[in-house]
Amino acid sequence: MKTIIKLIITILIFILIFRSVDITGVGTAIRNVDMKFVVLALFIQLMSTVVASYRWFLIMKALQFGQDFQFYFRSYFKGTFFNQGLPTTIGGDALRVLDVAKLGFKKRESFYGVFIDRIVGLLGLLLLNLLANGLNPDLLEEKIFYLINGIVLISIFGIFTVMALKKIRVLENHRLGKLFFDLSIRLNTVYRKADDAATQISLSIAIHLLSIVSIFVLGKSVGLEYDLLTYLVIMPPVFLLTLIPVSLAGWGVREGAMLGLFLLIGADKALILTISLMYGIIVLTTSLPGIYFYLQGSRSLAGKDKT
């Protein structure tokens, strides 16, 4: 039912978008796209996913889960494919939790590792957005500028608040409180050293930076001549909005958010929609190794069952 509702919402959003955008212009932009830029954008986005898998490996290593980088590389790509390529009720994060749990760990412990990966990823996105807004404070309207930065600062404060919850031991006496208490302990375990925290945050910033560079290159492919800093200001809020689970893999939400924000600086709507659609296809394409790893794992399990 959730999947059906998301599908309906996605379709409705696209109907609204297509009613406001010249579809002929989108078709023209696609026909004239410079493919060498598209291939480059595909490679850059693939590197973003590889770096993200390495970040998760470091987190799980700090939490004493063991396994080499190859395991987390494969699991991360499987999770990405489930998030992007399959309209299922099993999300990519849940699949990663199950992958780790199959090693003999408790699902709750596996969940903490995946959730911390999400938290530090969000922190990297927030910091990147804050830096970009500081470098180009006049790009967006003043109200939008302060709204975005306010949300960013509140979110960063929330993350550090979670880290401080380990000091409130009374939380252990409540079921929900214990969940956050244990999460706080594990967050502090992963980032107890300043060097480890700096490495993780740097990787998180790099991951999102690579994704934004990929979109920037797609902009070049359709002849959109905005500089990289413009994308660094606009895209992080778009990524944040796509985290809201109201559509399938963020489709529709991403397109609507990009159109809304780029429209504030006078961008051509047909070109922006083209970029967003191409980026969605690229993200889906770079997740395809995940289906190979998933099927390979399924065959291995089937072989063990026969044995």
Protein backbone atom coordinates (compact mmCIF):
# COMPACT_ATOMS: atom_id res chain seq x y z
CA MET A 1 0.00 0.00 0.00
CA LYS A 2 2.85 2.40 0.82
CA THR A 3 4.41 1.69 -2.57
CA ILE A 4 1.10 2.33 -4.35
CA ILE A 5 0.62 5.62 -2.50
CA LYS A 6 4.17 6.73 -3.38
CA LEU A 7 3.57 5.78 -7.01
CA ILE A 8 0.36 7.83 -7.13
CA ILE A 9 2.11 10.84 -5.52
CA THR A 10 5.03 10.54 -7.96
CA ILE A 11 2.65 10.48 -10.94
CA LEU A 12 0.67 13.46 -9.62
CA ILE A 13 3.84 15.51 -9.09
CA PHE A 14 5.01 14.78 -12.63
CA ILE A 15 1.60 15.70 -14.03
CA LEU A 16 1.87 19.09 -12.32
CA ILE A 17 5.45 19.53 -13.53
CA PHE A 18 4.68 18.62 -17.14
CA ARG A 19 1.76 21.06 -17.15
CA SER A 20 4.13 23.91 -16.27
CA VAL A 21 7.10 22.99 -18.48
CA ASP A 22 7.42 23.03 -22.25
CA ILE A 23 7.86 19.33 -23.01
CA THR A 24 8.96 20.18 -26.54
CA GLY A 25 11.88 22.08 -25.02
CA VAL A 26 12.80 19.03 -22.93
CA GLY A 27 12.79 16.85 -26.05
CA THR A 28 14.97 19.33 -27.90
CA ALA A 29 17.43 19.49 -24.99
CA ILE A 30 17.68 15.70 -24.86
CA ARG A 31 18.32 15.44 -28.61
CA ASN A 32 21.08 18.06 -28.41
CA VAL A 33 22.77 16.72 -25.28
CA ASP A 34 26.56 16.38 -25.40
CA MET A 35 27.13 12.71 -24.58
CA LYS A 36 30.75 13.09 -23.50
CA PHE A 37 29.53 15.17 -20.56
CA VAL A 38 26.87 12.58 -19.75
CA VAL A 39 29.48 9.80 -19.64
CA LEU A 40 31.68 11.95 -17.40
CA ALA A 41 28.73 12.67 -15.08
CA LEU A 42 28.01 8.93 -14.91
CA PHE A 43 31.58 8.19 -13.86
CA ILE A 44 31.61 10.95 -11.23
CA GLN A 45 28.34 9.70 -9.71
CA LEU A 46 29.73 6.16 -9.64
CA MET A 47 32.75 7.46 -7.70
CA SER A 48 30.37 9.11 -5.23
CA THR A 49 28.77 5.74 -4.47
CA VAL A 50 32.17 4.03 -4.13
CA VAL A 51 33.35 6.67 -1.63
CA ALA A 52 30.06 6.30 0.26
CA SER A 53 30.61 2.55 0.59
CA TYR A 54 34.11 3.21 1.95
CA ARG A 55 32.70 5.60 4.55
CA TRP A 56 30.28 2.92 5.71
CA PHE A 57 33.15 0.43 5.90
CA LEU A 58 35.06 2.78 8.24
CA ILE A 59 31.99 3.21 10.46
CA MET A 60 31.40 -0.53 10.78
CA LYS A 61 35.09 -1.12 11.40
CA ALA A 62 35.01 1.38 14.28
CA LEU A 63 32.01 -0.49 15.71
CA GLN A 64 33.94 -3.78 15.61
CA PHE A 65 31.77 -5.50 13.01
CA GLY A 66 34.70 -6.91 11.08
CA GLN A 67 34.58 -7.91 7.38
CA ASP A 68 36.70 -6.36 4.68
CA PHE A 69 35.87 -3.42 2.44
CA GLN A 70 34.61 -5.71 -0.33
CA PHE A 71 31.68 -6.87 1.82
CA TYR A 72 30.49 -3.32 2.54
CA PHE A 73 31.14 -2.25 -1.05
CA ARG A 74 28.85 -4.98 -2.34
CA SER A 75 26.21 -4.43 0.33
CA TYR A 76 26.16 -0.67 -0.24
CA PHE A 77 25.61 -1.09 -3.96
CA LYS A 78 22.82 -3.60 -3.28
CA GLY A 79 21.18 -1.09 -0.96
CA THR A 80 21.52 1.67 -3.52
CA PHE A 81 19.88 -0.49 -6.17
CA PHE A 82 16.98 -1.36 -3.87
CA ASN A 83 16.52 2.35 -3.12
CA GLN A 84 16.66 3.44 -6.76
CA GLY A 85 15.69 0.54 -8.94
CA LEU A 86 13.00 -1.42 -7.13
CA PRO A 87 9.61 -0.11 -5.94
CA THR A 88 9.64 -2.55 -3.03
CA THR A 89 8.76 -2.28 0.64
CA ILE A 90 12.33 -3.34 1.50
CA GLY A 91 14.47 -0.21 1.42
CA GLY A 92 18.16 -0.20 0.74
CA ASP A 93 19.00 0.61 4.36
CA ALA A 94 16.94 -2.36 5.55
CA LEU A 95 18.79 -4.59 3.10
CA ARG A 96 22.13 -3.41 4.47
CA VAL A 97 20.94 -4.15 8.01
CA LEU A 98 19.96 -7.67 6.95
CA ASP A 99 23.29 -8.20 5.19
CA VAL A 100 25.18 -7.42 8.39
CA ALA A 101 22.74 -9.39 10.54
CA LYS A 102 23.42 -12.50 8.42
CA LEU A 103 26.96 -12.41 9.78
CA GLY A 104 25.58 -13.24 13.22
CA PHE A 105 25.06 -9.73 14.61
CA LYS A 106 21.82 -8.50 16.15
CA LYS A 107 19.62 -6.53 13.76
CA ARG A 108 19.48 -3.62 16.20
CA GLU A 109 23.29 -3.40 16.27
CA SER A 110 23.35 -3.54 12.48
CA PHE A 111 20.73 -0.81 12.37
CA TYR A 112 22.92 1.51 14.47
CA GLY A 113 25.77 1.15 12.00
CA VAL A 114 23.54 1.99 9.02
CA PHE A 115 21.85 4.86 10.85
CA ILE A 116 25.17 6.41 11.85
CA ASP A 117 26.19 6.22 8.20
CA ARG A 118 23.05 8.19 7.36
CA ILE A 119 23.69 10.75 10.10
CA VAL A 120 27.26 11.53 9.06
CA GLY A 121 26.14 11.69 5.44
CA LEU A 122 23.50 14.26 6.39
CA LEU A 123 26.07 16.23 8.39
CA GLY A 124 28.37 16.41 5.37
CA LEU A 125 25.53 17.69 3.19
CA LEU A 126 24.56 20.33 5.76
CA LEU A 127 28.13 21.57 6.17
CA LEU A 128 28.63 21.74 2.40
CA ASN A 129 25.43 23.76 2.03
CA LEU A 130 26.45 26.12 4.85
CA LEU A 131 29.85 26.70 3.24
CA ALA A 132 28.37 27.32 -0.22
CA ASN A 133 25.80 29.78 1.14
CA GLY A 134 28.59 31.62 2.93
CA LEU A 135 30.60 31.90 -0.28
CA ASN A 136 27.62 33.09 -2.33
CA PRO A 137 25.07 34.69 0.04
CA ASP A 138 23.44 36.83 -2.67
CA LEU A 139 22.39 34.06 -5.06
CA LEU A 140 18.99 33.36 -3.48
CA GLU A 141 16.44 35.78 -2.06
CA GLU A 142 17.16 36.91 1.49
CA LYS A 143 14.17 35.05 2.97
CA ILE A 144 15.13 31.81 1.23
CA PHE A 145 18.76 32.28 2.27
CA TYR A 146 17.89 32.63 5.96
CA LEU A 147 15.30 29.84 5.82
CA ILE A 148 17.77 27.34 4.33
CA ASN A 149 20.57 28.31 6.71
CA GLY A 150 18.20 28.19 9.67
CA ILE A 151 17.15 24.64 8.80
CA VAL A 152 20.80 23.66 8.29
CA LEU A 153 21.91 25.05 11.66
CA ILE A 154 18.98 23.46 13.51
CA SER A 155 19.75 20.11 11.89
CA ILE A 156 23.44 20.32 12.82
CA PHE A 157 22.46 21.21 16.39
CA GLY A 158 20.14 18.18 16.43
CA ILE A 159 22.96 15.83 15.38
CA PHE A 160 25.25 17.10 18.13
CA THR A 161 22.37 16.84 20.59
CA VAL A 162 22.04 13.14 19.77
CA MET A 163 25.77 12.74 20.46
CA ALA A 164 25.29 14.33 23.90
CA LEU A 165 22.42 12.03 24.91
CA LYS A 166 24.84 9.44 26.31
CA LYS A 167 25.18 11.66 29.38
CA ILE A 168 21.46 11.35 30.19
CA ARG A 169 21.43 7.88 31.71
CA VAL A 170 17.77 8.05 32.70
CA LEU A 171 16.99 7.41 29.02
CA GLU A 172 18.03 3.79 29.54
CA ASN A 173 14.82 3.21 31.51
CA HIS A 174 12.56 3.92 28.55
CA ARG A 175 12.25 1.88 25.38
CA LEU A 176 12.48 4.77 22.92
CA GLY A 177 14.92 6.65 25.12
CA LYS A 178 17.23 3.64 25.23
CA LEU A 179 17.27 3.53 21.44
CA PHE A 180 18.64 7.08 21.29
CA PHE A 181 20.90 6.49 24.29
CA ASP A 182 22.53 3.48 22.63
CA LEU A 183 22.76 5.35 19.33
CA SER A 184 24.54 8.21 21.12
CA ILE A 185 27.06 5.81 22.67
CA ARG A 186 27.86 4.28 19.30
CA LEU A 187 28.13 7.68 17.64
CA ASN A 188 30.70 8.67 20.25
CA THR A 189 32.49 5.35 19.75
CA VAL A 190 32.88 6.02 16.04
CA TYR A 191 33.92 9.64 16.48
CA ARG A 192 35.81 9.55 19.76
CA LYS A 193 38.97 10.67 17.96
CA ALA A 194 39.14 14.02 16.19
CA ASP A 195 41.03 12.47 13.27
CA ASP A 196 38.33 9.86 12.73
CA ALA A 197 35.59 12.49 12.85
CA ALA A 198 37.47 14.73 10.41
CA THR A 199 37.99 11.82 8.00
CA GLN A 200 34.33 10.80 8.10
CA ILE A 201 33.04 14.34 7.64
CA SER A 202 35.51 14.98 4.82
CA LEU A 203 34.35 11.81 3.06
CA SER A 204 30.71 12.84 3.50
CA ILE A 205 31.38 16.26 2.02
CA ALA A 206 33.29 14.64 -0.86
CA ILE A 207 30.39 12.24 -1.57
CA HIS A 208 27.88 15.05 -1.95
CA LEU A 209 30.37 17.24 -3.76
CA LEU A 210 30.88 14.51 -6.36
CA SER A 211 27.11 14.19 -6.84
CA ILE A 212 26.76 17.94 -7.31
CA VAL A 213 29.68 18.01 -9.73
CA SER A 214 27.90 15.26 -11.67
CA ILE A 215 24.81 17.48 -11.93
CA PHE A 216 27.00 20.45 -12.85
CA VAL A 217 28.50 18.42 -15.70
CA LEU A 218 25.00 17.45 -16.85
CA GLY A 219 24.21 21.15 -16.92
CA LYS A 220 27.15 21.61 -19.25
CA SER A 221 25.81 18.81 -21.44
CA VAL A 222 22.60 20.77 -22.18
CA GLY A 223 24.32 24.16 -22.44
CA LEU A 224 23.41 25.57 -19.01
CA GLU A 225 26.18 28.01 -18.11
CA TYR A 226 25.95 28.35 -14.32
CA ASP A 227 29.14 27.98 -12.30
CA LEU A 228 29.73 25.16 -9.82
CA LEU A 229 29.10 27.40 -6.80
CA THR A 230 25.53 27.98 -8.00
CA TYR A 231 24.90 24.24 -7.94
CA LEU A 232 26.56 23.97 -4.51
CA VAL A 233 24.05 26.48 -3.15
CA ILE A 234 20.94 25.03 -4.80
CA MET A 235 21.42 21.25 -4.83
CA PRO A 236 21.86 20.47 -1.08
CA PRO A 237 18.31 21.68 -0.24
CA VAL A 238 17.08 19.59 -3.17
CA PHE A 239 18.85 16.52 -1.76
CA LEU A 240 17.35 17.21 1.66
CA LEU A 241 13.84 17.35 0.20
CA THR A 242 14.32 14.05 -1.62
CA LEU A 243 14.95 12.42 1.78
CA ILE A 244 11.26 12.92 2.55
CA PRO A 245 9.77 9.50 1.68
CA VAL A 246 6.69 10.65 -0.22
CA SER A 247 7.61 9.48 -3.73
CA LEU A 248 9.44 6.61 -5.38
CA ALA A 249 13.21 7.10 -4.92
CA GLY A 250 12.72 10.87 -4.76
CA TRP A 251 11.41 11.06 -8.33
CA GLY A 252 9.15 14.06 -8.79
CA VAL A 253 10.26 15.67 -5.55
CA ARG A 254 13.77 16.18 -6.97
CA GLU A 255 12.41 17.60 -10.23
CA GLY A 256 9.97 19.92 -8.46
CA ALA A 257 12.59 21.18 -6.00
CA MET A 258 15.16 21.80 -8.73
CA LEU A 259 12.63 23.67 -10.84
CA GLY A 260 11.50 25.78 -7.90
CA LEU A 261 14.98 26.80 -6.75
CA PHE A 262 16.56 27.29 -10.17
CA LEU A 263 13.53 29.32 -11.22
CA LEU A 264 14.50 31.83 -8.52
CA ILE A 265 17.65 32.63 -10.51
CA GLY A 266 15.92 32.70 -13.89
CA ALA A 267 16.97 29.30 -15.26
CA ASP A 268 15.23 27.72 -18.24
CA LYS A 269 12.65 25.27 -16.85
CA ALA A 270 12.96 22.82 -19.75
CA LEU A 271 16.74 22.56 -19.29
CA ILE A 272 16.47 22.11 -15.51
CA LEU A 273 13.87 19.37 -15.90
CA THR A 274 16.11 17.67 -18.47
CA ILE A 275 19.08 17.77 -16.08
CA SER A 276 17.02 16.37 -13.22
CA LEU A 277 15.62 13.52 -15.31
CA MET A 278 19.07 12.64 -16.65
CA TYR A 279 20.54 12.69 -13.15
CA GLY A 280 17.82 10.32 -11.94
CA ILE A 281 18.66 7.93 -14.78
CA ILE A 282 22.38 8.21 -13.98
CA VAL A 283 21.82 7.42 -10.30
CA LEU A 284 19.74 4.41 -11.33
CA THR A 285 22.39 3.30 -13.82
CA THR A 286 25.24 3.54 -11.28
CA SER A 287 23.23 1.38 -8.89
CA LEU A 288 23.00 -1.50 -11.38
CA PRO A 289 26.08 -3.34 -10.01
CA GLY A 290 23.89 -3.85 -6.95
CA ILE A 291 21.56 -6.24 -8.77
CA TYR A 292 24.56 -8.35 -9.81
CA PHE A 293 25.83 -8.51 -6.22
CA TYR A 294 22.33 -9.31 -4.95
CA LEU A 295 21.73 -12.12 -7.42
CA GLN A 296 25.22 -13.48 -6.80
CA GLY A 297 24.50 -13.57 -3.07
CA SER A 298 21.14 -15.25 -3.66
CA ARG A 299 22.80 -17.99 -5.73
CA SER A 300 25.36 -18.54 -2.98
CA LEU A 301 22.59 -18.97 -0.40
CA ALA A 302 20.72 -21.33 -2.70
CA GLY A 303 23.87 -23.42 -3.07
CA LYS A 304 24.26 -23.65 0.70
CA ASP A 305 20.62 -24.70 1.12
CA LYS A 306 21.10 -27.53 -1.36
CA THR A 307 24.19 -28.64 0.50
